[in-house]
Amino acid sequence: MTKRTAALLVLAPAAVLLGVCRATWVAGPTTDPVLGPATVTVTGAQAAPGTVALVVVSVAALLGMLMAGRRLRTVSAVLMVLAALGALVVTARVLLAPAEAVGRRAAEQAGRVGTVTADAAGSAWLSIGFAASGVLVVGTVVAWVQARRWSGLSDRFDRVQGQGGQPGTPPPRSTWDALSSGVDPTDDRPGEPT
C-alpha cells in the first residue's frame, strides 16, 4: 500500500467526522426551572468535547508518520491510533447516553455546573459520527501496519558517502559538477582530487 492510499484511509474519515461535529447530534426536551420547558439541541462538538482535537492530533500524527524516519514514524503511528481510539470512545459515550449530553448542555445554558434531567434522542449525524470514528480507527491501524514497509522521504534526504569518503558530501550530479569540485571524471582512481 502506498503512502497516498494510507493517507486517504485516515484523512477521509477524519474529514467526515470533523464535518458532522458541526451538525446536531442530540436533541431533547428539558423542564428546568430556569430555562423553562425547552428543547435543547447539542452539536457534535458540544456533545463530545475533545473529538475535534483528537481528530486534529490524528491528522498531525499522520503527517509526522508520512515524513519521519523509521523511529519517529512508529511514535507518530502509535499517537495517531491512540487519538483515533479516543475519538471513538468519546463518540460512543454520546451514542450510549444521549440524555447526559442534553442535560449537560442544558445546565451550561442555565449557568450551572453538572447536568439537568432531560430526555434525548440521537440524530442520524450521531450515527454517522460514530461510524466515521470507527472507520478512522481502522484506517489508522491499517496505515500503521503498512508504514512498516515504507522507506524514508527519498534518497536525496539520506546521508551519503561522497567523493573521497567524506560523509555528507553528495556525489556530483554531472561531469561539470565533478570538475567544479576538483574531481577529474576521467581519472581511473575516483574520489581523489586532482
N, C-alpha and C. Protein backbone atom coordinates (compact mmCIF):
# COMPACT_ATOMS: atom_id res chain seq x y z
N MET A 1 0.84 -1.18 0.00
CA MET A 1 0.00 0.00 0.00
C MET A 1 0.89 1.24 0.00
N THR A 2 0.54 2.21 -0.82
CA THR A 2 1.33 3.42 -0.92
C THR A 2 1.00 4.39 0.21
N LYS A 3 1.87 5.38 0.37
CA LYS A 3 1.62 6.40 1.39
C LYS A 3 0.35 7.17 1.09
N ARG A 4 0.08 7.40 -0.18
CA ARG A 4 -1.12 8.15 -0.56
C ARG A 4 -2.39 7.40 -0.18
N THR A 5 -2.42 6.11 -0.41
CA THR A 5 -3.60 5.31 -0.06
C THR A 5 -3.79 5.28 1.45
N ALA A 6 -2.71 5.10 2.19
CA ALA A 6 -2.79 5.10 3.65
C ALA A 6 -3.26 6.45 4.18
N ALA A 7 -2.80 7.51 3.55
CA ALA A 7 -3.23 8.84 3.98
C ALA A 7 -4.73 9.03 3.74
N LEU A 8 -5.23 8.53 2.61
CA LEU A 8 -6.66 8.64 2.32
C LEU A 8 -7.50 7.84 3.31
N LEU A 9 -6.96 6.68 3.76
CA LEU A 9 -7.69 5.87 4.74
C LEU A 9 -7.88 6.61 6.06
N VAL A 10 -6.99 7.54 6.35
CA VAL A 10 -7.10 8.31 7.59
C VAL A 10 -7.81 9.64 7.35
N LEU A 11 -7.45 10.32 6.26
CA LEU A 11 -7.99 11.66 6.03
C LEU A 11 -9.49 11.66 5.69
N ALA A 12 -9.96 10.66 4.97
CA ALA A 12 -11.38 10.64 4.58
C ALA A 12 -12.30 10.54 5.81
N PRO A 13 -12.12 9.55 6.70
CA PRO A 13 -13.00 9.53 7.88
C PRO A 13 -12.77 10.71 8.82
N ALA A 14 -11.54 11.23 8.86
CA ALA A 14 -11.28 12.39 9.70
C ALA A 14 -12.06 13.59 9.20
N ALA A 15 -12.10 13.79 7.89
CA ALA A 15 -12.85 14.90 7.31
C ALA A 15 -14.35 14.74 7.56
N VAL A 16 -14.85 13.52 7.42
CA VAL A 16 -16.27 13.28 7.69
C VAL A 16 -16.59 13.57 9.15
N LEU A 17 -15.75 13.09 10.06
CA LEU A 17 -16.00 13.30 11.48
C LEU A 17 -15.94 14.78 11.83
N LEU A 18 -14.99 15.50 11.29
CA LEU A 18 -14.92 16.94 11.53
C LEU A 18 -16.15 17.65 10.98
N GLY A 19 -16.62 17.21 9.82
CA GLY A 19 -17.81 17.82 9.22
C GLY A 19 -19.06 17.60 10.04
N VAL A 20 -19.27 16.38 10.52
CA VAL A 20 -20.51 16.10 11.26
C VAL A 20 -20.47 16.64 12.69
N CYS A 21 -19.31 17.04 13.17
CA CYS A 21 -19.24 17.62 14.51
C CYS A 21 -19.96 18.97 14.57
N ARG A 22 -20.20 19.58 13.43
CA ARG A 22 -20.91 20.85 13.40
C ARG A 22 -22.42 20.67 13.36
N ALA A 23 -22.87 19.45 13.07
CA ALA A 23 -24.31 19.18 12.98
C ALA A 23 -24.87 18.82 14.35
N THR A 24 -26.21 18.81 14.45
CA THR A 24 -26.88 18.46 15.70
C THR A 24 -26.85 16.95 15.88
N TRP A 25 -26.22 16.51 16.96
CA TRP A 25 -26.14 15.08 17.25
C TRP A 25 -27.29 14.63 18.14
N VAL A 26 -27.65 15.46 19.09
CA VAL A 26 -28.64 15.07 20.10
C VAL A 26 -29.59 16.23 20.33
N ALA A 27 -30.85 15.93 20.54
CA ALA A 27 -31.84 16.95 20.88
C ALA A 27 -32.85 16.33 21.83
N GLY A 28 -33.38 17.15 22.73
CA GLY A 28 -34.37 16.64 23.65
C GLY A 28 -34.96 17.72 24.53
N PRO A 29 -36.13 17.44 25.09
CA PRO A 29 -36.79 18.44 25.94
C PRO A 29 -36.22 18.41 27.37
N THR A 30 -36.30 19.55 28.01
CA THR A 30 -35.92 19.65 29.42
C THR A 30 -36.93 20.55 30.12
N THR A 31 -37.13 20.29 31.38
CA THR A 31 -38.08 21.09 32.17
C THR A 31 -37.34 21.73 33.32
N ASP A 32 -36.30 22.43 33.03
CA ASP A 32 -35.52 23.11 34.06
C ASP A 32 -36.27 24.37 34.50
N PRO A 33 -36.29 24.67 35.83
CA PRO A 33 -36.99 25.86 36.29
C PRO A 33 -36.43 27.16 35.70
N VAL A 34 -35.15 27.21 35.47
CA VAL A 34 -34.54 28.44 34.93
C VAL A 34 -34.82 28.56 33.44
N LEU A 35 -34.61 27.48 32.70
CA LEU A 35 -34.82 27.50 31.26
C LEU A 35 -36.29 27.43 30.88
N GLY A 36 -37.09 26.83 31.72
CA GLY A 36 -38.48 26.58 31.39
C GLY A 36 -38.56 25.39 30.45
N PRO A 37 -39.75 25.04 30.02
CA PRO A 37 -39.85 23.94 29.07
C PRO A 37 -39.24 24.34 27.73
N ALA A 38 -38.18 23.63 27.36
CA ALA A 38 -37.48 23.99 26.13
C ALA A 38 -36.88 22.73 25.52
N THR A 39 -36.64 22.82 24.23
CA THR A 39 -35.94 21.75 23.53
C THR A 39 -34.49 22.19 23.35
N VAL A 40 -33.60 21.38 23.84
CA VAL A 40 -32.17 21.69 23.77
C VAL A 40 -31.56 20.87 22.66
N THR A 41 -30.82 21.54 21.77
CA THR A 41 -30.09 20.85 20.71
C THR A 41 -28.60 20.93 21.02
N VAL A 42 -27.90 19.85 20.73
CA VAL A 42 -26.48 19.76 21.03
C VAL A 42 -25.74 19.31 19.77
N THR A 43 -24.74 20.09 19.38
CA THR A 43 -23.93 19.71 18.22
C THR A 43 -22.93 18.63 18.63
N GLY A 44 -22.27 18.07 17.65
CA GLY A 44 -21.28 17.04 17.94
C GLY A 44 -20.12 17.56 18.76
N ALA A 45 -19.67 18.77 18.45
CA ALA A 45 -18.55 19.35 19.20
C ALA A 45 -18.93 19.63 20.65
N GLN A 46 -20.20 19.95 20.89
CA GLN A 46 -20.67 20.19 22.26
C GLN A 46 -20.94 18.89 22.99
N ALA A 47 -21.50 17.92 22.28
CA ALA A 47 -21.84 16.65 22.92
C ALA A 47 -20.61 15.81 23.23
N ALA A 48 -19.64 15.86 22.36
CA ALA A 48 -18.42 15.06 22.53
C ALA A 48 -17.21 16.00 22.51
N PRO A 49 -17.04 16.78 23.58
CA PRO A 49 -15.90 17.70 23.57
C PRO A 49 -14.59 16.93 23.50
N GLY A 50 -13.71 17.46 22.73
CA GLY A 50 -12.44 16.79 22.55
C GLY A 50 -12.35 16.01 21.26
N THR A 51 -13.47 15.75 20.62
CA THR A 51 -13.44 14.98 19.38
C THR A 51 -12.64 15.70 18.29
N VAL A 52 -12.91 17.00 18.15
CA VAL A 52 -12.21 17.77 17.13
C VAL A 52 -10.71 17.76 17.40
N ALA A 53 -10.32 17.96 18.65
CA ALA A 53 -8.90 17.97 19.00
C ALA A 53 -8.25 16.62 18.73
N LEU A 54 -8.95 15.54 19.04
CA LEU A 54 -8.40 14.20 18.81
C LEU A 54 -8.24 13.90 17.32
N VAL A 55 -9.18 14.38 16.52
CA VAL A 55 -9.07 14.18 15.07
C VAL A 55 -7.90 14.99 14.52
N VAL A 56 -7.72 16.21 15.03
CA VAL A 56 -6.59 17.03 14.57
C VAL A 56 -5.27 16.37 14.97
N VAL A 57 -5.21 15.79 16.16
CA VAL A 57 -4.00 15.08 16.58
C VAL A 57 -3.74 13.88 15.67
N SER A 58 -4.79 13.17 15.29
CA SER A 58 -4.62 12.03 14.38
C SER A 58 -4.05 12.47 13.04
N VAL A 59 -4.57 13.57 12.51
CA VAL A 59 -4.10 14.05 11.21
C VAL A 59 -2.66 14.56 11.32
N ALA A 60 -2.35 15.27 12.41
CA ALA A 60 -0.97 15.75 12.59
C ALA A 60 0.00 14.58 12.74
N ALA A 61 -0.41 13.55 13.48
CA ALA A 61 0.44 12.37 13.62
C ALA A 61 0.59 11.64 12.29
N LEU A 62 -0.45 11.65 11.47
CA LEU A 62 -0.34 11.07 10.12
C LEU A 62 0.72 11.80 9.32
N LEU A 63 0.71 13.12 9.37
CA LEU A 63 1.72 13.89 8.63
C LEU A 63 3.12 13.56 9.14
N GLY A 64 3.25 13.44 10.46
CA GLY A 64 4.54 13.05 11.01
C GLY A 64 4.96 11.67 10.56
N MET A 65 4.00 10.77 10.49
CA MET A 65 4.31 9.41 10.07
C MET A 65 4.72 9.36 8.60
N LEU A 66 4.11 10.20 7.78
CA LEU A 66 4.43 10.21 6.36
C LEU A 66 5.82 10.80 6.09
N MET A 67 6.28 11.69 6.96
CA MET A 67 7.53 12.38 6.68
C MET A 67 8.71 11.95 7.53
N ALA A 68 8.47 11.22 8.60
CA ALA A 68 9.55 10.91 9.54
C ALA A 68 10.31 9.66 9.13
N GLY A 69 11.42 9.47 9.82
CA GLY A 69 12.19 8.24 9.67
C GLY A 69 11.52 7.10 10.40
N ARG A 70 12.18 5.97 10.43
CA ARG A 70 11.56 4.76 10.98
C ARG A 70 11.14 4.90 12.45
N ARG A 71 12.00 5.44 13.30
CA ARG A 71 11.67 5.53 14.73
C ARG A 71 10.55 6.52 15.00
N LEU A 72 10.67 7.71 14.42
CA LEU A 72 9.62 8.70 14.63
C LEU A 72 8.32 8.28 13.96
N ARG A 73 8.41 7.50 12.90
CA ARG A 73 7.20 7.00 12.24
C ARG A 73 6.41 6.10 13.18
N THR A 74 7.12 5.28 13.94
CA THR A 74 6.45 4.39 14.90
C THR A 74 5.79 5.20 16.01
N VAL A 75 6.48 6.20 16.52
CA VAL A 75 5.91 7.05 17.58
C VAL A 75 4.67 7.77 17.05
N SER A 76 4.77 8.33 15.84
CA SER A 76 3.63 9.02 15.24
C SER A 76 2.46 8.09 15.00
N ALA A 77 2.75 6.86 14.58
CA ALA A 77 1.68 5.89 14.32
C ALA A 77 0.96 5.52 15.60
N VAL A 78 1.69 5.32 16.68
CA VAL A 78 1.06 4.99 17.97
C VAL A 78 0.19 6.15 18.42
N LEU A 79 0.70 7.36 18.32
CA LEU A 79 -0.06 8.54 18.71
C LEU A 79 -1.32 8.68 17.85
N MET A 80 -1.19 8.42 16.56
CA MET A 80 -2.33 8.51 15.65
C MET A 80 -3.43 7.52 16.02
N VAL A 81 -3.04 6.29 16.30
CA VAL A 81 -4.02 5.26 16.66
C VAL A 81 -4.68 5.59 18.01
N LEU A 82 -3.89 6.04 18.98
CA LEU A 82 -4.46 6.38 20.29
C LEU A 82 -5.45 7.54 20.19
N ALA A 83 -5.13 8.54 19.38
CA ALA A 83 -6.05 9.67 19.21
C ALA A 83 -7.34 9.22 18.53
N ALA A 84 -7.23 8.34 17.54
CA ALA A 84 -8.43 7.82 16.87
C ALA A 84 -9.28 7.00 17.84
N LEU A 85 -8.62 6.20 18.67
CA LEU A 85 -9.38 5.43 19.69
C LEU A 85 -10.07 6.37 20.67
N GLY A 86 -9.39 7.45 21.04
CA GLY A 86 -10.01 8.43 21.93
C GLY A 86 -11.25 9.04 21.32
N ALA A 87 -11.20 9.37 20.03
CA ALA A 87 -12.37 9.92 19.34
C ALA A 87 -13.51 8.91 19.30
N LEU A 88 -13.18 7.64 19.12
CA LEU A 88 -14.21 6.59 19.12
C LEU A 88 -14.87 6.47 20.49
N VAL A 89 -14.07 6.52 21.54
CA VAL A 89 -14.62 6.39 22.90
C VAL A 89 -15.53 7.57 23.22
N VAL A 90 -15.11 8.77 22.85
CA VAL A 90 -15.90 9.96 23.15
C VAL A 90 -17.23 9.94 22.40
N THR A 91 -17.22 9.55 21.14
CA THR A 91 -18.47 9.49 20.39
C THR A 91 -19.35 8.33 20.87
N ALA A 92 -18.74 7.24 21.29
CA ALA A 92 -19.53 6.11 21.81
C ALA A 92 -20.26 6.50 23.09
N ARG A 93 -19.62 7.31 23.93
CA ARG A 93 -20.29 7.76 25.17
C ARG A 93 -21.55 8.55 24.85
N VAL A 94 -21.51 9.38 23.82
CA VAL A 94 -22.70 10.15 23.43
C VAL A 94 -23.76 9.22 22.86
N LEU A 95 -23.34 8.24 22.07
CA LEU A 95 -24.29 7.31 21.48
C LEU A 95 -24.99 6.48 22.55
N LEU A 96 -24.26 6.10 23.60
CA LEU A 96 -24.84 5.27 24.66
C LEU A 96 -25.66 6.08 25.66
N ALA A 97 -25.35 7.36 25.84
CA ALA A 97 -26.08 8.18 26.82
C ALA A 97 -26.37 9.56 26.24
N PRO A 98 -27.29 9.65 25.28
CA PRO A 98 -27.57 10.96 24.69
C PRO A 98 -28.23 11.93 25.66
N ALA A 99 -28.99 11.42 26.62
CA ALA A 99 -29.65 12.31 27.59
C ALA A 99 -28.63 13.05 28.45
N GLU A 100 -27.52 12.41 28.72
CA GLU A 100 -26.48 13.07 29.51
C GLU A 100 -25.91 14.28 28.77
N ALA A 101 -25.73 14.15 27.46
CA ALA A 101 -25.22 15.28 26.67
C ALA A 101 -26.21 16.44 26.67
N VAL A 102 -27.50 16.12 26.53
CA VAL A 102 -28.52 17.18 26.56
C VAL A 102 -28.58 17.81 27.94
N GLY A 103 -28.52 17.00 28.98
CA GLY A 103 -28.57 17.53 30.35
C GLY A 103 -27.38 18.42 30.66
N ARG A 104 -26.22 18.04 30.18
CA ARG A 104 -25.01 18.84 30.40
C ARG A 104 -25.11 20.17 29.66
N ARG A 105 -25.62 20.14 28.42
CA ARG A 105 -25.77 21.37 27.64
C ARG A 105 -26.84 22.28 28.24
N ALA A 106 -27.93 21.69 28.74
CA ALA A 106 -28.98 22.49 29.39
C ALA A 106 -28.44 23.15 30.65
N ALA A 107 -27.62 22.46 31.39
CA ALA A 107 -27.02 23.05 32.59
C ALA A 107 -26.09 24.20 32.22
N GLU A 108 -25.35 24.07 31.13
CA GLU A 108 -24.49 25.16 30.67
C GLU A 108 -25.32 26.38 30.29
N GLN A 109 -26.44 26.15 29.61
CA GLN A 109 -27.30 27.26 29.21
C GLN A 109 -27.94 27.93 30.41
N ALA A 110 -28.19 27.16 31.48
CA ALA A 110 -28.78 27.72 32.69
C ALA A 110 -27.72 28.33 33.61
N GLY A 111 -26.46 28.19 33.23
CA GLY A 111 -25.38 28.76 34.04
C GLY A 111 -25.03 27.92 35.25
N ARG A 112 -25.25 26.63 35.15
CA ARG A 112 -24.95 25.73 36.27
C ARG A 112 -23.84 24.77 35.90
N VAL A 113 -23.34 24.11 36.94
CA VAL A 113 -22.35 23.05 36.75
C VAL A 113 -23.08 21.72 36.92
N GLY A 114 -22.69 20.73 36.15
CA GLY A 114 -23.31 19.41 36.27
C GLY A 114 -24.28 19.18 35.13
N THR A 115 -25.35 18.46 35.43
CA THR A 115 -26.34 18.14 34.40
C THR A 115 -27.74 18.43 34.91
N VAL A 116 -28.65 18.53 33.97
CA VAL A 116 -30.07 18.73 34.24
C VAL A 116 -30.79 17.50 33.73
N THR A 117 -31.85 17.10 34.38
CA THR A 117 -32.61 15.94 33.92
C THR A 117 -33.26 16.27 32.58
N ALA A 118 -33.05 15.39 31.61
CA ALA A 118 -33.58 15.63 30.27
C ALA A 118 -33.77 14.32 29.56
N ASP A 119 -34.65 14.36 28.57
CA ASP A 119 -34.82 13.24 27.65
C ASP A 119 -34.09 13.62 26.37
N ALA A 120 -33.64 12.62 25.64
CA ALA A 120 -32.92 12.93 24.41
C ALA A 120 -33.00 11.79 23.43
N ALA A 121 -32.82 12.16 22.19
CA ALA A 121 -32.74 11.19 21.11
C ALA A 121 -31.60 11.61 20.20
N GLY A 122 -30.83 10.63 19.78
CA GLY A 122 -29.71 10.89 18.88
C GLY A 122 -30.19 11.01 17.45
N SER A 123 -29.51 11.85 16.68
CA SER A 123 -29.87 12.04 15.27
C SER A 123 -29.03 11.10 14.40
N ALA A 124 -29.32 11.16 13.12
CA ALA A 124 -28.53 10.37 12.16
C ALA A 124 -27.09 10.86 12.12
N TRP A 125 -26.86 12.14 12.41
CA TRP A 125 -25.50 12.69 12.42
C TRP A 125 -24.65 12.03 13.49
N LEU A 126 -25.28 11.70 14.61
CA LEU A 126 -24.55 11.00 15.67
C LEU A 126 -24.09 9.63 15.19
N SER A 127 -24.97 8.91 14.50
CA SER A 127 -24.60 7.60 13.96
C SER A 127 -23.49 7.71 12.92
N ILE A 128 -23.58 8.74 12.07
CA ILE A 128 -22.54 8.95 11.07
C ILE A 128 -21.22 9.28 11.75
N GLY A 129 -21.26 10.11 12.80
CA GLY A 129 -20.05 10.46 13.53
C GLY A 129 -19.42 9.24 14.20
N PHE A 130 -20.24 8.39 14.77
CA PHE A 130 -19.72 7.17 15.40
C PHE A 130 -19.11 6.24 14.36
N ALA A 131 -19.80 6.09 13.22
CA ALA A 131 -19.27 5.23 12.15
C ALA A 131 -17.96 5.80 11.60
N ALA A 132 -17.90 7.12 11.44
CA ALA A 132 -16.67 7.74 10.93
C ALA A 132 -15.51 7.56 11.91
N SER A 133 -15.80 7.64 13.20
CA SER A 133 -14.73 7.43 14.17
C SER A 133 -14.26 5.98 14.18
N GLY A 134 -15.17 5.04 13.95
CA GLY A 134 -14.78 3.64 13.84
C GLY A 134 -13.92 3.38 12.61
N VAL A 135 -14.31 3.98 11.48
CA VAL A 135 -13.52 3.84 10.26
C VAL A 135 -12.16 4.52 10.44
N LEU A 136 -12.13 5.63 11.19
CA LEU A 136 -10.86 6.31 11.46
C LEU A 136 -9.91 5.40 12.24
N VAL A 137 -10.44 4.68 13.22
CA VAL A 137 -9.59 3.75 13.97
C VAL A 137 -9.04 2.66 13.06
N VAL A 138 -9.90 2.09 12.24
CA VAL A 138 -9.45 1.04 11.31
C VAL A 138 -8.41 1.60 10.34
N GLY A 139 -8.66 2.81 9.81
CA GLY A 139 -7.73 3.41 8.87
C GLY A 139 -6.37 3.69 9.50
N THR A 140 -6.36 4.15 10.75
CA THR A 140 -5.08 4.42 11.40
C THR A 140 -4.31 3.14 11.67
N VAL A 141 -5.01 2.08 12.05
CA VAL A 141 -4.33 0.81 12.30
C VAL A 141 -3.74 0.25 11.00
N VAL A 142 -4.51 0.30 9.92
CA VAL A 142 -4.01 -0.18 8.63
C VAL A 142 -2.81 0.66 8.18
N ALA A 143 -2.89 1.99 8.35
CA ALA A 143 -1.77 2.85 7.96
C ALA A 143 -0.53 2.52 8.78
N TRP A 144 -0.71 2.23 10.07
CA TRP A 144 0.41 1.90 10.93
C TRP A 144 1.08 0.60 10.46
N VAL A 145 0.26 -0.41 10.16
CA VAL A 145 0.80 -1.69 9.71
C VAL A 145 1.55 -1.51 8.39
N GLN A 146 0.98 -0.73 7.48
CA GLN A 146 1.62 -0.53 6.18
C GLN A 146 2.86 0.35 6.28
N ALA A 147 2.91 1.23 7.27
CA ALA A 147 4.04 2.15 7.40
C ALA A 147 5.35 1.43 7.70
N ARG A 148 5.27 0.22 8.20
CA ARG A 148 6.49 -0.54 8.49
C ARG A 148 7.26 -0.87 7.22
N ARG A 149 6.59 -0.85 6.09
CA ARG A 149 7.23 -1.21 4.82
C ARG A 149 7.73 0.00 4.05
N TRP A 150 7.44 1.19 4.52
CA TRP A 150 7.80 2.39 3.78
C TRP A 150 9.26 2.73 3.98
N SER A 151 9.82 3.39 2.99
CA SER A 151 11.16 3.94 3.13
C SER A 151 11.01 5.38 3.60
N GLY A 152 12.12 6.08 3.69
CA GLY A 152 12.08 7.48 4.12
C GLY A 152 11.46 8.36 3.06
N LEU A 153 11.69 9.66 3.17
CA LEU A 153 11.13 10.58 2.20
C LEU A 153 11.64 10.29 0.80
N SER A 154 12.95 10.31 0.63
CA SER A 154 13.56 9.93 -0.64
C SER A 154 15.06 9.85 -0.42
N ASP A 155 15.77 9.34 -1.43
CA ASP A 155 17.22 9.18 -1.31
C ASP A 155 17.95 10.52 -1.21
N ARG A 156 17.39 11.56 -1.74
CA ARG A 156 18.11 12.82 -1.71
C ARG A 156 18.21 13.41 -0.31
N PHE A 157 17.39 12.95 0.64
CA PHE A 157 17.47 13.43 2.01
C PHE A 157 18.34 12.54 2.89
N ASP A 158 18.77 11.40 2.37
CA ASP A 158 19.60 10.49 3.15
C ASP A 158 21.05 10.94 3.10
N ARG A 159 21.78 10.67 4.16
CA ARG A 159 23.20 10.99 4.21
C ARG A 159 23.95 9.94 3.38
N VAL A 160 24.80 10.43 2.51
CA VAL A 160 25.51 9.51 1.63
C VAL A 160 27.01 9.72 1.79
N GLN A 161 27.78 8.72 1.37
CA GLN A 161 29.24 8.85 1.32
C GLN A 161 29.58 9.50 -0.01
N GLY A 162 30.22 10.64 0.06
CA GLY A 162 30.54 11.36 -1.16
C GLY A 162 31.92 11.03 -1.67
N GLN A 163 32.45 11.92 -2.48
CA GLN A 163 33.78 11.75 -3.06
C GLN A 163 34.82 11.76 -1.95
N GLY A 164 35.78 10.89 -2.04
CA GLY A 164 36.85 10.85 -1.06
C GLY A 164 36.40 10.31 0.28
N GLY A 165 35.23 9.67 0.35
CA GLY A 165 34.77 9.09 1.60
C GLY A 165 34.27 10.12 2.60
N GLN A 166 34.06 11.36 2.17
CA GLN A 166 33.59 12.41 3.07
C GLN A 166 32.10 12.18 3.34
N PRO A 167 31.70 11.96 4.61
CA PRO A 167 30.27 11.78 4.89
C PRO A 167 29.52 13.09 4.67
N GLY A 168 28.35 12.97 4.12
CA GLY A 168 27.50 14.13 3.91
C GLY A 168 27.75 14.87 2.62
N THR A 169 28.75 14.50 1.86
CA THR A 169 29.02 15.14 0.58
C THR A 169 28.35 14.32 -0.51
N PRO A 170 27.34 14.87 -1.15
CA PRO A 170 26.65 14.07 -2.17
C PRO A 170 27.54 13.88 -3.39
N PRO A 171 27.35 12.79 -4.09
CA PRO A 171 28.13 12.58 -5.31
C PRO A 171 27.74 13.62 -6.35
N PRO A 172 28.64 13.99 -7.24
CA PRO A 172 28.29 15.01 -8.25
C PRO A 172 27.20 14.49 -9.17
N ARG A 173 26.33 15.41 -9.58
CA ARG A 173 25.22 15.04 -10.44
C ARG A 173 25.63 14.99 -11.90
N SER A 174 26.67 15.73 -12.26
CA SER A 174 27.10 15.74 -13.65
C SER A 174 28.62 15.84 -13.71
N THR A 175 29.14 15.68 -14.90
CA THR A 175 30.58 15.80 -15.09
C THR A 175 31.04 17.21 -14.76
N TRP A 176 30.25 18.19 -15.12
CA TRP A 176 30.59 19.58 -14.83
C TRP A 176 30.70 19.81 -13.32
N ASP A 177 29.74 19.24 -12.55
CA ASP A 177 29.81 19.36 -11.09
C ASP A 177 31.05 18.68 -10.54
N ALA A 178 31.44 17.57 -11.12
CA ALA A 178 32.64 16.87 -10.66
C ALA A 178 33.87 17.74 -10.90
N LEU A 179 33.96 18.35 -12.07
CA LEU A 179 35.08 19.22 -12.38
C LEU A 179 35.10 20.44 -11.45
N SER A 180 33.92 21.00 -11.15
CA SER A 180 33.84 22.16 -10.28
C SER A 180 34.31 21.85 -8.86
N SER A 181 34.10 20.61 -8.42
CA SER A 181 34.54 20.24 -7.07
C SER A 181 35.97 19.73 -7.03
N GLY A 182 36.67 19.75 -8.16
CA GLY A 182 38.06 19.35 -8.18
C GLY A 182 38.28 17.88 -8.45
N VAL A 183 37.31 17.18 -8.95
CA VAL A 183 37.44 15.76 -9.25
C VAL A 183 37.50 15.59 -10.76
N ASP A 184 38.48 14.83 -11.21
CA ASP A 184 38.63 14.56 -12.64
C ASP A 184 37.78 13.34 -12.98
N PRO A 185 36.70 13.52 -13.75
CA PRO A 185 35.83 12.38 -14.06
C PRO A 185 36.48 11.34 -14.96
N THR A 186 37.60 11.67 -15.59
CA THR A 186 38.28 10.70 -16.44
C THR A 186 39.34 9.93 -15.69
N ASP A 187 39.59 10.27 -14.44
CA ASP A 187 40.62 9.62 -13.63
C ASP A 187 40.17 8.20 -13.29
N ASP A 188 41.08 7.25 -13.34
CA ASP A 188 40.78 5.86 -13.01
C ASP A 188 40.61 5.66 -11.50
N ARG A 189 41.11 6.58 -10.73
CA ARG A 189 41.02 6.48 -9.27
C ARG A 189 40.04 7.54 -8.76
N PRO A 190 38.71 7.26 -8.81
CA PRO A 190 37.74 8.25 -8.39
C PRO A 190 37.86 8.54 -6.90
N GLY A 191 37.49 9.75 -6.54
CA GLY A 191 37.48 10.11 -5.13
C GLY A 191 38.74 10.85 -4.71
N GLU A 192 39.79 10.90 -5.56
CA GLU A 192 41.00 11.62 -5.21
C GLU A 192 41.04 12.91 -6.02
N PRO A 193 41.09 14.06 -5.34
CA PRO A 193 41.12 15.30 -6.08
C PRO A 193 42.40 15.43 -6.88
N THR A 194 42.33 16.15 -7.98
CA THR A 194 43.49 16.32 -8.86
C THR A 194 44.33 17.51 -8.46
